[in-house]
N, C-alpha and C. Protein backbone atom coordinates (compact mmCIF):
# COMPACT_ATOMS: atom_id res chain seq x y z
N UNK A 1 10.40 -104.04 13.05
CA UNK A 1 10.46 -102.61 13.07
C UNK A 1 11.91 -102.13 13.18
N UNK A 2 12.73 -102.82 13.97
CA UNK A 2 14.13 -102.43 14.11
C UNK A 2 14.87 -102.52 12.78
N UNK A 3 14.54 -103.53 11.97
CA UNK A 3 15.19 -103.67 10.68
C UNK A 3 14.89 -102.47 9.79
N UNK A 4 13.66 -101.98 9.83
CA UNK A 4 13.29 -100.81 9.03
C UNK A 4 14.12 -99.59 9.40
N UNK A 5 14.32 -99.39 10.68
CA UNK A 5 15.11 -98.24 11.13
C UNK A 5 16.55 -98.39 10.68
N UNK A 6 17.13 -99.55 10.83
CA UNK A 6 18.52 -99.72 10.45
C UNK A 6 18.70 -99.64 8.93
N UNK A 7 17.76 -100.14 8.17
CA UNK A 7 17.84 -100.05 6.71
C UNK A 7 17.70 -98.60 6.28
N UNK A 8 16.79 -97.87 6.89
CA UNK A 8 16.62 -96.45 6.57
C UNK A 8 17.88 -95.67 6.92
N UNK A 9 18.49 -95.99 8.04
CA UNK A 9 19.72 -95.33 8.45
C UNK A 9 20.84 -95.62 7.47
N UNK A 10 20.97 -96.87 7.08
CA UNK A 10 22.01 -97.25 6.13
C UNK A 10 21.77 -96.57 4.78
N UNK A 11 20.53 -96.52 4.34
CA UNK A 11 20.21 -95.85 3.08
C UNK A 11 20.57 -94.36 3.14
N UNK A 12 20.26 -93.74 4.27
CA UNK A 12 20.58 -92.32 4.44
C UNK A 12 22.09 -92.09 4.44
N UNK A 13 22.83 -92.94 5.14
CA UNK A 13 24.29 -92.83 5.15
C UNK A 13 24.87 -93.05 3.76
N UNK A 14 24.33 -94.00 3.06
CA UNK A 14 24.78 -94.27 1.69
C UNK A 14 24.53 -93.05 0.80
N UNK A 15 23.38 -92.44 0.95
CA UNK A 15 23.05 -91.24 0.18
C UNK A 15 24.01 -90.10 0.51
N UNK A 16 24.34 -89.94 1.79
CA UNK A 16 25.26 -88.90 2.21
C UNK A 16 26.66 -89.13 1.63
N UNK A 17 27.10 -90.37 1.61
CA UNK A 17 28.41 -90.70 1.05
C UNK A 17 28.44 -90.43 -0.44
N UNK A 18 27.39 -90.81 -1.14
CA UNK A 18 27.32 -90.55 -2.59
C UNK A 18 27.34 -89.05 -2.86
N UNK A 19 26.60 -88.29 -2.06
CA UNK A 19 26.56 -86.84 -2.21
C UNK A 19 27.95 -86.24 -2.01
N UNK A 20 28.66 -86.73 -1.01
CA UNK A 20 30.01 -86.23 -0.74
C UNK A 20 30.95 -86.55 -1.88
N UNK A 21 30.85 -87.75 -2.42
CA UNK A 21 31.72 -88.13 -3.54
C UNK A 21 31.40 -87.31 -4.79
N UNK A 22 30.14 -87.14 -5.08
CA UNK A 22 29.74 -86.40 -6.27
C UNK A 22 30.07 -84.92 -6.17
N UNK A 23 29.94 -84.35 -4.99
CA UNK A 23 30.13 -82.93 -4.81
C UNK A 23 31.54 -82.45 -5.07
N UNK A 24 32.52 -83.32 -5.00
CA UNK A 24 33.91 -82.92 -5.24
C UNK A 24 34.43 -83.45 -6.57
N UNK A 25 33.54 -83.79 -7.45
CA UNK A 25 33.91 -84.20 -8.81
C UNK A 25 34.35 -82.95 -9.58
N UNK A 26 35.44 -83.02 -10.33
CA UNK A 26 35.93 -81.83 -11.04
C UNK A 26 34.90 -81.21 -11.99
N UNK A 27 34.09 -82.05 -12.63
CA UNK A 27 33.07 -81.52 -13.54
C UNK A 27 31.99 -80.75 -12.80
N UNK A 28 31.62 -81.24 -11.63
CA UNK A 28 30.61 -80.55 -10.82
C UNK A 28 31.18 -79.23 -10.31
N UNK A 29 32.41 -79.25 -9.83
CA UNK A 29 33.03 -77.99 -9.37
C UNK A 29 33.15 -77.00 -10.52
N UNK A 30 33.55 -77.48 -11.69
CA UNK A 30 33.68 -76.59 -12.84
C UNK A 30 32.34 -75.97 -13.20
N UNK A 31 31.28 -76.76 -13.11
CA UNK A 31 29.94 -76.24 -13.40
C UNK A 31 29.55 -75.15 -12.41
N UNK A 32 29.80 -75.36 -11.13
CA UNK A 32 29.48 -74.34 -10.13
C UNK A 32 30.35 -73.10 -10.30
N UNK A 33 31.60 -73.29 -10.66
CA UNK A 33 32.46 -72.13 -10.93
C UNK A 33 31.89 -71.32 -12.10
N UNK A 34 31.42 -72.01 -13.16
CA UNK A 34 30.83 -71.31 -14.31
C UNK A 34 29.59 -70.52 -13.89
N UNK A 35 28.75 -71.13 -13.06
CA UNK A 35 27.55 -70.46 -12.58
C UNK A 35 27.93 -69.21 -11.78
N UNK A 36 28.88 -69.36 -10.88
CA UNK A 36 29.31 -68.24 -10.03
C UNK A 36 29.94 -67.15 -10.88
N UNK A 37 30.80 -67.54 -11.81
CA UNK A 37 31.44 -66.57 -12.70
C UNK A 37 30.38 -65.79 -13.49
N UNK A 38 29.42 -66.49 -14.02
CA UNK A 38 28.37 -65.87 -14.82
C UNK A 38 27.53 -64.91 -13.99
N UNK A 39 27.11 -65.32 -12.81
CA UNK A 39 26.30 -64.46 -11.94
C UNK A 39 27.10 -63.25 -11.46
N UNK A 40 28.35 -63.45 -11.13
CA UNK A 40 29.18 -62.33 -10.67
C UNK A 40 29.36 -61.31 -11.79
N UNK A 41 29.60 -61.78 -13.01
CA UNK A 41 29.74 -60.87 -14.14
C UNK A 41 28.45 -60.12 -14.42
N UNK A 42 27.33 -60.81 -14.28
CA UNK A 42 26.03 -60.17 -14.54
C UNK A 42 25.69 -59.10 -13.52
N UNK A 43 26.18 -59.27 -12.29
CA UNK A 43 25.81 -58.34 -11.23
C UNK A 43 26.77 -57.17 -11.05
N UNK A 44 27.95 -57.26 -11.62
CA UNK A 44 28.93 -56.19 -11.39
C UNK A 44 28.90 -55.18 -12.55
N UNK A 45 29.43 -53.99 -12.33
CA UNK A 45 29.51 -52.99 -13.39
C UNK A 45 30.31 -53.54 -14.58
N UNK A 46 29.92 -53.13 -15.75
CA UNK A 46 30.52 -53.66 -16.98
C UNK A 46 32.04 -53.51 -17.02
N UNK A 47 32.55 -52.43 -16.46
CA UNK A 47 34.00 -52.20 -16.54
C UNK A 47 34.82 -53.21 -15.74
N UNK A 48 34.17 -53.96 -14.81
CA UNK A 48 34.90 -54.95 -14.02
C UNK A 48 34.64 -56.39 -14.47
N UNK A 49 33.74 -56.58 -15.40
CA UNK A 49 33.36 -57.94 -15.81
C UNK A 49 34.53 -58.75 -16.36
N UNK A 50 35.36 -58.11 -17.14
CA UNK A 50 36.49 -58.82 -17.74
C UNK A 50 37.50 -59.30 -16.71
N UNK A 51 37.48 -58.70 -15.53
CA UNK A 51 38.44 -59.09 -14.49
C UNK A 51 38.05 -60.39 -13.80
N UNK A 52 36.81 -60.82 -13.96
CA UNK A 52 36.33 -62.05 -13.31
C UNK A 52 36.55 -63.21 -14.26
N UNK A 53 37.38 -64.14 -13.82
CA UNK A 53 37.71 -65.28 -14.69
C UNK A 53 38.06 -66.49 -13.84
N UNK A 54 37.54 -67.64 -14.25
CA UNK A 54 37.86 -68.91 -13.59
C UNK A 54 38.65 -69.74 -14.59
N UNK A 55 39.78 -70.27 -14.12
CA UNK A 55 40.65 -71.09 -14.98
C UNK A 55 40.82 -72.45 -14.31
N UNK A 56 40.46 -73.49 -15.04
CA UNK A 56 40.64 -74.86 -14.54
C UNK A 56 41.95 -75.39 -15.10
N UNK A 57 42.78 -75.92 -14.22
CA UNK A 57 44.07 -76.47 -14.63
C UNK A 57 43.84 -77.70 -15.50
N UNK A 58 44.41 -77.75 -16.71
CA UNK A 58 44.20 -78.89 -17.59
C UNK A 58 44.88 -80.17 -17.11
N UNK A 59 45.94 -80.04 -16.34
CA UNK A 59 46.67 -81.21 -15.84
C UNK A 59 46.04 -81.73 -14.56
N UNK A 60 45.68 -80.82 -13.67
CA UNK A 60 45.06 -81.16 -12.39
C UNK A 60 43.63 -80.61 -12.38
N UNK A 61 42.66 -81.38 -12.85
CA UNK A 61 41.31 -80.85 -13.02
C UNK A 61 40.61 -80.42 -11.73
N UNK A 62 41.14 -80.80 -10.58
CA UNK A 62 40.57 -80.35 -9.31
C UNK A 62 41.13 -78.99 -8.88
N UNK A 63 42.06 -78.45 -9.65
CA UNK A 63 42.69 -77.18 -9.30
C UNK A 63 42.08 -76.07 -10.17
N UNK A 64 41.58 -75.04 -9.49
CA UNK A 64 40.97 -73.90 -10.16
C UNK A 64 41.64 -72.63 -9.69
N UNK A 65 41.67 -71.66 -10.58
CA UNK A 65 42.16 -70.33 -10.23
C UNK A 65 41.03 -69.35 -10.49
N UNK A 66 40.70 -68.58 -9.48
CA UNK A 66 39.65 -67.57 -9.61
C UNK A 66 40.32 -66.21 -9.58
N UNK A 67 40.12 -65.46 -10.64
CA UNK A 67 40.68 -64.12 -10.72
C UNK A 67 39.56 -63.10 -10.70
N UNK A 68 39.78 -62.02 -9.97
CA UNK A 68 38.81 -60.92 -9.93
C UNK A 68 39.50 -59.69 -9.39
N UNK A 69 39.14 -58.54 -9.93
CA UNK A 69 39.69 -57.30 -9.40
C UNK A 69 39.11 -57.06 -8.01
N UNK A 70 39.76 -56.21 -7.26
CA UNK A 70 39.28 -55.94 -5.90
C UNK A 70 37.84 -55.44 -5.89
N UNK A 71 37.49 -54.66 -6.87
CA UNK A 71 36.12 -54.12 -6.91
C UNK A 71 35.10 -55.15 -7.36
N UNK A 72 35.54 -56.22 -7.99
CA UNK A 72 34.63 -57.26 -8.45
C UNK A 72 34.47 -58.38 -7.42
N UNK A 73 35.36 -58.44 -6.44
CA UNK A 73 35.36 -59.52 -5.46
C UNK A 73 34.02 -59.62 -4.72
N UNK A 74 33.47 -58.49 -4.36
CA UNK A 74 32.19 -58.49 -3.63
C UNK A 74 31.11 -59.20 -4.44
N UNK A 75 31.12 -59.03 -5.75
CA UNK A 75 30.13 -59.66 -6.62
C UNK A 75 30.36 -61.16 -6.71
N UNK A 76 31.61 -61.57 -6.68
CA UNK A 76 31.94 -63.00 -6.68
C UNK A 76 31.43 -63.65 -5.39
N UNK A 77 31.71 -63.02 -4.27
CA UNK A 77 31.27 -63.55 -2.98
C UNK A 77 29.74 -63.61 -2.92
N UNK A 78 29.07 -62.58 -3.42
CA UNK A 78 27.61 -62.59 -3.43
C UNK A 78 27.07 -63.73 -4.30
N UNK A 79 27.73 -64.00 -5.42
CA UNK A 79 27.30 -65.10 -6.30
C UNK A 79 27.50 -66.45 -5.60
N UNK A 80 28.59 -66.59 -4.87
CA UNK A 80 28.81 -67.82 -4.11
C UNK A 80 27.71 -67.98 -3.08
N UNK A 81 27.47 -66.93 -2.30
CA UNK A 81 26.43 -66.97 -1.25
C UNK A 81 25.07 -67.33 -1.83
N UNK A 82 24.75 -66.75 -2.98
CA UNK A 82 23.46 -66.96 -3.61
C UNK A 82 23.25 -68.43 -4.00
N UNK A 83 24.32 -69.14 -4.30
CA UNK A 83 24.21 -70.50 -4.80
C UNK A 83 24.49 -71.60 -3.78
N UNK A 84 24.93 -71.26 -2.59
CA UNK A 84 25.33 -72.28 -1.61
C UNK A 84 24.22 -73.28 -1.30
N UNK A 85 23.01 -72.82 -1.16
CA UNK A 85 21.90 -73.72 -0.78
C UNK A 85 21.59 -74.76 -1.84
N UNK A 86 21.94 -74.48 -3.08
CA UNK A 86 21.65 -75.41 -4.17
C UNK A 86 22.75 -76.46 -4.35
N UNK A 87 23.88 -76.25 -3.73
CA UNK A 87 25.04 -77.12 -3.93
C UNK A 87 24.95 -78.38 -3.08
N UNK A 88 25.55 -79.48 -3.57
CA UNK A 88 25.72 -80.65 -2.71
C UNK A 88 26.57 -80.27 -1.50
N UNK A 89 26.43 -81.02 -0.44
CA UNK A 89 27.07 -80.69 0.84
C UNK A 89 28.57 -80.44 0.70
N UNK A 90 29.30 -81.36 0.09
CA UNK A 90 30.76 -81.20 0.01
C UNK A 90 31.14 -80.04 -0.91
N UNK A 91 30.35 -79.79 -1.94
CA UNK A 91 30.61 -78.63 -2.81
C UNK A 91 30.39 -77.35 -2.03
N UNK A 92 29.35 -77.32 -1.20
CA UNK A 92 29.07 -76.16 -0.36
C UNK A 92 30.23 -75.88 0.57
N UNK A 93 30.77 -76.92 1.20
CA UNK A 93 31.92 -76.74 2.09
C UNK A 93 33.13 -76.18 1.32
N UNK A 94 33.34 -76.70 0.12
CA UNK A 94 34.44 -76.25 -0.74
C UNK A 94 34.31 -74.75 -1.00
N UNK A 95 33.11 -74.30 -1.41
CA UNK A 95 32.93 -72.89 -1.74
C UNK A 95 32.88 -72.00 -0.50
N UNK A 96 32.46 -72.53 0.63
CA UNK A 96 32.54 -71.76 1.86
C UNK A 96 34.00 -71.53 2.24
N UNK A 97 34.83 -72.52 2.03
CA UNK A 97 36.27 -72.35 2.28
C UNK A 97 36.85 -71.33 1.31
N UNK A 98 36.43 -71.38 0.05
CA UNK A 98 36.88 -70.40 -0.94
C UNK A 98 36.50 -68.99 -0.49
N UNK A 99 35.29 -68.82 0.00
CA UNK A 99 34.87 -67.51 0.54
C UNK A 99 35.79 -67.04 1.65
N UNK A 100 36.12 -67.96 2.54
CA UNK A 100 37.02 -67.62 3.65
C UNK A 100 38.37 -67.15 3.13
N UNK A 101 38.89 -67.84 2.14
CA UNK A 101 40.18 -67.47 1.54
C UNK A 101 40.08 -66.08 0.89
N UNK A 102 38.99 -65.85 0.17
CA UNK A 102 38.79 -64.54 -0.47
C UNK A 102 38.72 -63.44 0.58
N UNK A 103 37.97 -63.69 1.65
CA UNK A 103 37.85 -62.69 2.73
C UNK A 103 39.21 -62.39 3.36
N UNK A 104 40.01 -63.43 3.59
CA UNK A 104 41.35 -63.22 4.16
C UNK A 104 42.24 -62.44 3.22
N UNK A 105 42.16 -62.73 1.93
CA UNK A 105 42.96 -61.99 0.94
C UNK A 105 42.54 -60.52 0.91
N UNK A 106 41.22 -60.29 0.92
CA UNK A 106 40.72 -58.92 0.90
C UNK A 106 41.16 -58.16 2.15
N UNK A 107 41.13 -58.84 3.29
CA UNK A 107 41.57 -58.20 4.53
C UNK A 107 43.05 -57.86 4.48
N UNK A 108 43.85 -58.72 3.88
CA UNK A 108 45.29 -58.44 3.80
C UNK A 108 45.56 -57.23 2.90
N UNK A 109 44.75 -57.05 1.85
CA UNK A 109 44.91 -55.87 1.00
C UNK A 109 44.53 -54.61 1.77
N UNK A 110 43.46 -54.71 2.57
CA UNK A 110 43.04 -53.55 3.36
C UNK A 110 44.08 -53.19 4.39
N UNK A 111 44.67 -54.20 5.05
CA UNK A 111 45.72 -53.97 6.05
C UNK A 111 46.93 -53.33 5.39
N UNK A 112 47.28 -53.82 4.20
CA UNK A 112 48.43 -53.28 3.49
C UNK A 112 48.21 -51.83 3.09
N UNK A 113 46.97 -51.50 2.71
CA UNK A 113 46.66 -50.15 2.30
C UNK A 113 46.70 -49.15 3.43
N UNK A 114 46.52 -49.62 4.67
CA UNK A 114 46.55 -48.75 5.85
C UNK A 114 47.95 -48.34 6.24
N UNK A 115 48.96 -49.05 5.79
CA UNK A 115 50.34 -48.78 6.23
C UNK A 115 51.00 -47.71 5.41
């Protein structure tokens, strides 16, 4: 019985490691960026759709640039939130960090506008 528990534990750890490795693959990240970009564009007013753009660096495929106007940012964040549960664990952490960065940028614009 002890062997079954340890084998199950090892299998679960192996699965978690594979999930972590796969979730940060540039192709997987690019796919999630496309999904988020598409959903954000679909949900925002037409006049802001062109401002939402994801650019993957051709030299460094793990580097992405997300562009969006201030009025479109809320739609980008909502698209990220909507998809988090479907993402692999490490991809989810990546996009949660991206949300944090977006929120900090938005806050800095608000602070700047108050001065």
